[in-house]
PDB file of N, CA and C in Angstrom:
ATOM      1  N   MET A   1    -154.969  99.820  31.586  1.00  0.00           N
ATOM      2  CA  MET A   1    -153.842  99.978  32.867  1.00  0.00           C
ATOM      3  C   MET A   1    -153.336 100.649  32.676  1.00  0.00           C
ATOM      4  N   ASN A   2    -152.562 101.577  33.443  1.00  0.00           N
ATOM      5  CA  ASN A   2    -150.889 101.842  33.081  1.00  0.00           C
ATOM      6  C   ASN A   2    -149.920 100.999  33.712  1.00  0.00           C
ATOM      7  N   LEU A   3    -148.660 101.453  33.627  1.00  0.00           N
ATOM      8  CA  LEU A   3    -147.889 101.015  33.913  1.00  0.00           C
ATOM      9  C   LEU A   3    -147.787 100.924  35.462  1.00  0.00           C
ATOM     10  N   ILE A   4    -147.874 102.360  36.563  1.00  0.00           N
ATOM     11  CA  ILE A   4    -147.828 102.223  37.325  1.00  0.00           C
ATOM     12  C   ILE A   4    -148.817 101.699  38.393  1.00  0.00           C
ATOM     13  N   ALA A   5    -150.292 101.730  37.536  1.00  0.00           N
ATOM     14  CA  ALA A   5    -151.375 100.782  38.199  1.00  0.00           C
ATOM     15  C   ALA A   5    -150.575  99.074  38.010  1.00  0.00           C
ATOM     16  N   ALA A   6    -150.600  98.884  37.550  1.00  0.00           N
ATOM     17  CA  ALA A   6    -150.314  97.659  36.972  1.00  0.00           C
ATOM     18  C   ALA A   6    -149.417  97.050  37.789  1.00  0.00           C
ATOM     19  N   HIS A   7    -148.106  97.806  38.610  1.00  0.00           N
ATOM     20  CA  HIS A   7    -147.168  97.664  39.347  1.00  0.00           C
ATOM     21  C   HIS A   7    -147.521  97.558  40.557  1.00  0.00           C
ATOM     22  N   GLN A   8    -148.774  98.421  41.083  1.00  0.00           N
ATOM     23  CA  GLN A   8    -149.338  98.790  42.522  1.00  0.00           C
ATOM     24  C   GLN A   8    -150.231  97.147  42.445  1.00  0.00           C
ATOM     25  N   ALA A   9    -150.743  96.894  40.966  1.00  0.00           N
ATOM     26  CA  ALA A   9    -152.122  96.032  41.724  1.00  0.00           C
ATOM     27  C   ALA A   9    -150.659  94.935  41.684  1.00  0.00           C
ATOM     28  N   ARG A  10    -149.898  94.136  41.333  1.00  0.00           N
ATOM     29  CA  ARG A  10    -149.017  93.092  41.435  1.00  0.00           C
ATOM     30  C   ARG A  10    -148.473  93.339  42.766  1.00  0.00           C
ATOM     31  N   SER A  11    -148.188  94.309  43.395  1.00  0.00           N
ATOM     32  CA  SER A  11    -147.413  94.371  44.334  1.00  0.00           C
ATOM     33  C   SER A  11    -148.510  94.215  45.707  1.00  0.00           C
ATOM     34  N   VAL A  12    -149.760  94.580  45.509  1.00  0.00           N
ATOM     35  CA  VAL A  12    -150.313  94.503  46.457  1.00  0.00           C
ATOM     36  C   VAL A  12    -151.263  92.799  46.429  1.00  0.00           C
ATOM     37  N   LEU A  13    -150.953  92.264  45.476  1.00  0.00           N
ATOM     38  CA  LEU A  13    -151.593  90.883  45.584  1.00  0.00           C
ATOM     39  C   LEU A  13    -150.031  90.504  46.142  1.00  0.00           C
ATOM     40  N   ARG A  14    -149.117  90.538  45.935  1.00  0.00           N
ATOM     41  CA  ARG A  14    -147.698  89.592  46.143  1.00  0.00           C
ATOM     42  C   ARG A  14    -147.944  89.857  47.467  1.00  0.00           C
ATOM     43  N   LEU A  15    -148.255  91.408  47.971  1.00  0.00           N
ATOM     44  CA  LEU A  15    -148.140  91.077  49.445  1.00  0.00           C
ATOM     45  C   LEU A  15    -149.376  90.076  50.103  1.00  0.00           C
ATOM     46  N   ALA A  16    -150.422  90.359  49.573  1.00  0.00           N
ATOM     47  CA  ALA A  16    -151.379  88.923  50.170  1.00  0.00           C
ATOM     48  C   ALA A  16    -150.911  87.440  50.339  1.00  0.00           C
ATOM     49  N   PHE A  17    -150.325  87.397  48.954  1.00  0.00           N
ATOM     50  CA  PHE A  17    -149.512  85.892  49.366  1.00  0.00           C
ATOM     51  C   PHE A  17    -148.595  85.742  50.317  1.00  0.00           C
ATOM     52  N   HIS A  18    -147.565  86.564  50.426  1.00  0.00           N
ATOM     53  CA  HIS A  18    -146.851  86.728  51.826  1.00  0.00           C
ATOM     54  C   HIS A  18    -147.422  86.690  52.923  1.00  0.00           C
ATOM     55  N   ASP A  19    -148.144  87.264  52.990  1.00  0.00           N
ATOM     56  CA  ASP A  19    -149.174  87.801  54.282  1.00  0.00           C
ATOM     57  C   ASP A  19    -149.454  85.840  54.281  1.00  0.00           C
ATOM     58  N   ALA A  20    -150.283  85.363  53.131  1.00  0.00           N
ATOM     59  CA  ALA A  20    -151.135  84.408  53.650  1.00  0.00           C
ATOM     60  C   ALA A  20    -149.974  82.932  53.241  1.00  0.00           C
ATOM     61  N   ILE A  21    -148.799  82.923  53.095  1.00  0.00           N
ATOM     62  CA  ILE A  21    -148.201  81.664  53.194  1.00  0.00           C
ATOM     63  C   ILE A  21    -147.426  81.724  54.636  1.00  0.00           C
ATOM     64  N   GLY A  22    -147.355  83.087  55.006  1.00  0.00           N
ATOM     65  CA  GLY A  22    -146.576  83.266  56.291  1.00  0.00           C
ATOM     66  C   GLY A  22    -147.004  82.591  57.242  1.00  0.00           C
ATOM     67  N   PHE A  23    -146.867  81.604  58.052  1.00  0.00           N
ATOM     68  CA  PHE A  23    -147.233  81.155  59.251  1.00  0.00           C
ATOM     69  C   PHE A  23    -146.691  80.212  60.567  1.00  0.00           C
ATOM     70  N   SER A  24    -147.178  80.443  61.422  1.00  0.00           N
ATOM     71  CA  SER A  24    -146.169  79.418  62.518  1.00  0.00           C
ATOM     72  C   SER A  24    -146.330  78.423  62.534  1.00  0.00           C
ATOM     73  N   THR A  25    -145.065  77.529  62.605  1.00  0.00           N
ATOM     74  CA  THR A  25    -145.171  76.166  63.197  1.00  0.00           C
ATOM     75  C   THR A  25    -145.603  75.748  64.601  1.00  0.00           C
ATOM     76  N   SER A  26    -145.763  77.537  65.565  1.00  0.00           N
ATOM     77  CA  SER A  26    -146.226  76.435  66.931  1.00  0.00           C
ATOM     78  C   SER A  26    -147.924  75.894  66.369  1.00  0.00           C
ATOM     79  N   LYS A  27    -148.388  75.898  68.330  1.00  0.00           N
ATOM     80  CA  LYS A  27    -149.947  74.953  67.584  1.00  0.00           C
ATOM     81  C   LYS A  27    -150.353  76.035  68.476  1.00  0.00           C
ATOM     82  N   ASP A  28    -150.173  77.269  68.371  1.00  0.00           N
ATOM     83  CA  ASP A  28    -151.476  78.744  68.895  1.00  0.00           C
ATOM     84  C   ASP A  28    -152.310  79.277  68.224  1.00  0.00           C
ATOM     85  N   GLY A  29    -152.277  78.507  66.918  1.00  0.00           N
ATOM     86  CA  GLY A  29    -152.790  79.490  65.940  1.00  0.00           C
ATOM     87  C   GLY A  29    -152.907  80.042  65.255  1.00  0.00           C
ATOM     88  N   VAL A  30    -151.832  80.395  65.065  1.00  0.00           N
ATOM     89  CA  VAL A  30    -151.370  81.978  64.334  1.00  0.00           C
ATOM     90  C   VAL A  30    -150.789  81.609  63.210  1.00  0.00           C
ATOM     91  N   GLY A  31    -150.972  82.980  62.437  1.00  0.00           N
ATOM     92  CA  GLY A  31    -150.084  82.517  60.773  1.00  0.00           C
ATOM     93  C   GLY A  31    -151.304  82.903  60.073  1.00  0.00           C
ATOM     94  N   GLY A  32    -150.974  82.810  58.630  1.00  0.00           N
ATOM     95  CA  GLY A  32    -151.817  82.827  57.483  1.00  0.00           C
ATOM     96  C   GLY A  32    -152.298  83.669  57.307  1.00  0.00           C
ATOM     97  N   ALA A  33    -153.461  84.666  56.478  1.00  0.00           N
ATOM     98  CA  ALA A  33    -153.590  85.563  56.188  1.00  0.00           C
ATOM     99  C   ALA A  33    -154.346  86.555  57.040  1.00  0.00           C
ATOM    100  N   ASP A  34    -153.459  86.967  58.042  1.00  0.00           N
ATOM    101  CA  ASP A  34    -154.117  87.932  59.237  1.00  0.00           C
ATOM    102  C   ASP A  34    -153.651  88.945  59.258  1.00  0.00           C
ATOM    103  N   GLY A  35    -152.742  89.548  58.341  1.00  0.00           N
ATOM    104  CA  GLY A  35    -152.413  91.355  57.801  1.00  0.00           C
ATOM    105  C   GLY A  35    -151.357  91.480  58.808  1.00  0.00           C
ATOM    106  N   SER A  36    -150.590  90.633  59.226  1.00  0.00           N
ATOM    107  CA  SER A  36    -149.611  91.052  60.140  1.00  0.00           C
ATOM    108  C   SER A  36    -148.319  91.548  59.747  1.00  0.00           C
ATOM    109  N   ILE A  37    -148.350  90.621  58.385  1.00  0.00           N
ATOM    110  CA  ILE A  37    -147.156  91.660  57.563  1.00  0.00           C
ATOM    111  C   ILE A  37    -147.325  92.937  57.029  1.00  0.00           C
ATOM    112  N   ILE A  38    -148.546  93.408  57.256  1.00  0.00           N
ATOM    113  CA  ILE A  38    -148.625  95.017  57.289  1.00  0.00           C
ATOM    114  C   ILE A  38    -148.502  95.967  58.930  1.00  0.00           C
ATOM    115  N   VAL A  39    -149.168  95.083  59.808  1.00  0.00           N
ATOM    116  CA  VAL A  39    -148.971  95.253  60.997  1.00  0.00           C
ATOM    117  C   VAL A  39    -147.599  95.200  61.874  1.00  0.00           C
ATOM    118  N   PHE A  40    -146.903  94.349  61.762  1.00  0.00           N
ATOM    119  CA  PHE A  40    -145.106  94.145  62.151  1.00  0.00           C
ATOM    120  C   PHE A  40    -144.664  94.323  60.988  1.00  0.00           C
ATOM    121  N   ASP A  41    -144.754  95.096  59.868  1.00  0.00           N
ATOM    122  CA  ASP A  41    -143.709  95.450  59.039  1.00  0.00           C
ATOM    123  C   ASP A  41    -142.142  95.603  59.054  1.00  0.00           C
ATOM    124  N   ASP A  42    -141.983  96.183  60.272  1.00  0.00           N
ATOM    125  CA  ASP A  42    -141.043  96.469  60.990  1.00  0.00           C
ATOM    126  C   ASP A  42    -140.034  95.236  61.100  1.00  0.00           C
ATOM    127  N   ILE A  43    -140.796  94.161  61.643  1.00  0.00           N
ATOM    128  CA  ILE A  43    -140.441  92.867  61.898  1.00  0.00           C
ATOM    129  C   ILE A  43    -140.151  91.752  60.265  1.00  0.00           C
ATOM    130  N   GLU A  44    -141.459  91.899  59.829  1.00  0.00           N
ATOM    131  CA  GLU A  44    -141.675  90.982  58.584  1.00  0.00           C
ATOM    132  C   GLU A  44    -140.951  91.450  56.961  1.00  0.00           C
ATOM    133  N   MET A  45    -141.094  92.663  56.888  1.00  0.00           N
ATOM    134  CA  MET A  45    -139.735  92.890  56.104  1.00  0.00           C
ATOM    135  C   MET A  45    -138.469  92.663  55.987  1.00  0.00           C
ATOM    136  N   GLN A  46    -137.881  92.090  57.127  1.00  0.00           N
ATOM    137  CA  GLN A  46    -136.602  91.578  57.511  1.00  0.00           C
ATOM    138  C   GLN A  46    -136.372  90.237  56.834  1.00  0.00           C
ATOM    139  N   SER A  47    -137.119  89.889  56.357  1.00  0.00           N
ATOM    140  CA  SER A  47    -137.319  88.420  55.194  1.00  0.00           C
ATOM    141  C   SER A  47    -136.778  88.721  54.148  1.00  0.00           C
ATOM    142  N   PRO A  48    -135.873  88.275  53.739  1.00  0.00           N
ATOM    143  CA  PRO A  48    -135.576  88.596  52.152  1.00  0.00           C
ATOM    144  C   PRO A  48    -136.814  88.086  50.757  1.00  0.00           C
ATOM    145  N   ALA A  49    -137.271  87.504  51.431  1.00  0.00           N
ATOM    146  CA  ALA A  49    -138.369  86.921  50.461  1.00  0.00           C
ATOM    147  C   ALA A  49    -139.615  88.593  50.490  1.00  0.00           C
ATOM    148  N   ASN A  50    -139.692  88.681  51.266  1.00  0.00           N
ATOM    149  CA  ASN A  50    -140.692  90.363  51.710  1.00  0.00           C
ATOM    150  C   ASN A  50    -140.067  91.613  50.780  1.00  0.00           C
ATOM    151  N   ARG A  51    -138.776  91.386  49.997  1.00  0.00           N
ATOM    152  CA  ARG A  51    -137.638  92.673  50.038  1.00  0.00           C
ATOM    153  C   ARG A  51    -139.185  93.833  48.939  1.00  0.00           C
ATOM    154  N   GLY A  52    -138.911  94.929  49.418  1.00  0.00           N
ATOM    155  CA  GLY A  52    -139.893  95.561  48.280  1.00  0.00           C
ATOM    156  C   GLY A  52    -141.370  96.036  48.891  1.00  0.00           C
ATOM    157  N   LEU A  53    -142.267  95.331  49.415  1.00  0.00           N
ATOM    158  CA  LEU A  53    -143.113  95.101  50.129  1.00  0.00           C
ATOM    159  C   LEU A  53    -143.712  96.302  51.353  1.00  0.00           C
ATOM    160  N   ASN A  54    -142.618  96.899  51.692  1.00  0.00           N
ATOM    161  CA  ASN A  54    -142.566  97.548  52.876  1.00  0.00           C
ATOM    162  C   ASN A  54    -143.520  98.919  52.079  1.00  0.00           C
ATOM    163  N   ILE A  55    -143.041  99.708  51.124  1.00  0.00           N
ATOM    164  CA  ILE A  55    -143.648 100.517  50.039  1.00  0.00           C
ATOM    165  C   ILE A  55    -145.075 100.200  50.378  1.00  0.00           C
ATOM    166  N   THR A  56    -145.450  98.888  49.336  1.00  0.00           N
ATOM    167  CA  THR A  56    -146.759  98.751  49.436  1.00  0.00           C
ATOM    168  C   THR A  56    -147.367  98.877  50.834  1.00  0.00           C
ATOM    169  N   SER A  57    -146.761  98.266  52.038  1.00  0.00           N
ATOM    170  CA  SER A  57    -147.287  98.092  53.154  1.00  0.00           C
ATOM    171  C   SER A  57    -148.262  99.983  53.327  1.00  0.00           C
ATOM    172  N   SER A  58    -146.724 100.777  53.701  1.00  0.00           N
ATOM    173  CA  SER A  58    -147.389 101.716  53.737  1.00  0.00           C
ATOM    174  C   SER A  58    -147.945 102.519  52.784  1.00  0.00           C
ATOM    175  N   LEU A  59    -148.354 101.988  51.792  1.00  0.00           N
ATOM    176  CA  LEU A  59    -149.431 102.422  50.883  1.00  0.00           C
ATOM    177  C   LEU A  59    -150.812 102.035  51.452  1.00  0.00           C
ATOM    178  N   LEU A  60    -150.700 101.107  52.060  1.00  0.00           N
ATOM    179  CA  LEU A  60    -151.786 100.720  52.335  1.00  0.00           C
ATOM    180  C   LEU A  60    -152.618 100.899  54.251  1.00  0.00           C
ATOM    181  N   LYS A  61    -151.502 101.270  54.925  1.00  0.00           N
ATOM    182  CA  LYS A  61    -152.275 101.866  56.176  1.00  0.00           C
ATOM    183  C   LYS A  61    -152.854 102.879  56.428  1.00  0.00           C
ATOM    184  N   PRO A  62    -152.635 103.999  55.585  1.00  0.00           N
ATOM    185  CA  PRO A  62    -154.313 104.832  55.048  1.00  0.00           C
ATOM    186  C   PRO A  62    -155.358 104.497  55.504  1.00  0.00           C
ATOM    187  N   PHE A  63    -155.242 104.037  53.886  1.00  0.00           N
ATOM    188  CA  PHE A  63    -156.530 103.207  53.558  1.00  0.00           C
ATOM    189  C   PHE A  63    -157.226 102.727  54.710  1.00  0.00           C
ATOM    190  N   ILE A  64    -156.552 101.747  55.434  1.00  0.00           N
ATOM    191  CA  ILE A  64    -157.159 100.681  56.756  1.00  0.00           C
ATOM    192  C   ILE A  64    -157.367 101.894  57.656  1.00  0.00           C
ATOM    193  N   GLU A  65    -156.653 102.549  57.685  1.00  0.00           N
ATOM    194  CA  GLU A  65    -157.399 103.734  58.946  1.00  0.00           C
ATOM    195  C   GLU A  65    -158.222 104.651  58.229  1.00  0.00           C
ATOM    196  N   LYS A  66    -158.551 105.031  57.543  1.00  0.00           N
ATOM    197  CA  LYS A  66    -159.286 105.877  56.606  1.00  0.00           C
ATOM    198  C   LYS A  66    -161.145 104.892  56.713  1.00  0.00           C
ATOM    199  N   HIS A  67    -160.815 103.355  56.347  1.00  0.00           N
ATOM    200  CA  HIS A  67    -162.226 102.752  55.859  1.00  0.00           C
ATOM    201  C   HIS A  67    -162.353 102.193  57.136  1.00  0.00           C
ATOM    202  N   LYS A  68    -161.211 101.870  58.216  1.00  0.00           N
ATOM    203  CA  LYS A  68    -161.339 101.186  59.683  1.00  0.00           C
ATOM    204  C   LYS A  68    -161.571 100.289  59.642  1.00  0.00           C
ATOM    205  N   ILE A  69    -160.713  99.483  58.663  1.00  0.00           N
ATOM    206  CA  ILE A  69    -160.960  98.010  58.190  1.00  0.00           C
ATOM    207  C   ILE A  69    -159.747  97.211  58.852  1.00  0.00           C
ATOM    208  N   SER A  70    -159.440  96.209  59.758  1.00  0.00           N
ATOM    209  CA  SER A  70    -158.370  95.219  59.726  1.00  0.00           C
ATOM    210  C   SER A  70    -157.848  95.204  58.856  1.00  0.00           C
ATOM    211  N   PRO A  71    -156.526  94.834  59.126  1.00  0.00           N
ATOM    212  CA  PRO A  71    -155.221  94.279  58.272  1.00  0.00           C
ATOM    213  C   PRO A  71    -155.604  93.571  57.816  1.00  0.00           C
ATOM    214  N   GLY A  72    -156.111  92.361  58.170  1.00  0.00           N
ATOM    215  CA  GLY A  72    -156.584  90.889  57.719  1.00  0.00           C
ATOM    216  C   GLY A  72    -157.475  91.031  57.170  1.00  0.00           C
ATOM    217  N   ASP A  73    -158.402  91.743  56.976  1.00  0.00           N
ATOM    218  CA  ASP A  73    -159.807  92.359  56.442  1.00  0.00           C
ATOM    219  C   ASP A  73    -159.485  92.409  55.192  1.00  0.00           C
ATOM    220  N   LEU A  74    -158.864  93.298  54.893  1.00  0.00           N
ATOM    221  CA  LEU A  74    -157.887  93.723  53.678  1.00  0.00           C
ATOM    222  C   LEU A  74    -157.309  92.608  53.024  1.00  0.00           C
TER     223      LEU A  74
END
């Protein structure tokens, strides 16, 4: 695996982790690994913890559209 592929793999895992650990404290049942970090990246990327994940999110959006899957399923 070359250096670029290794970096991309780490970024995708980091994005999934940050999506999964983000949860709502309300009792409406939202949050967790639901793909919201990709869907609402304009909001989610404002968190300092998500710095740099906007690139990964933008690279995954065409894949999601092409394969007709939901961001949560990805």
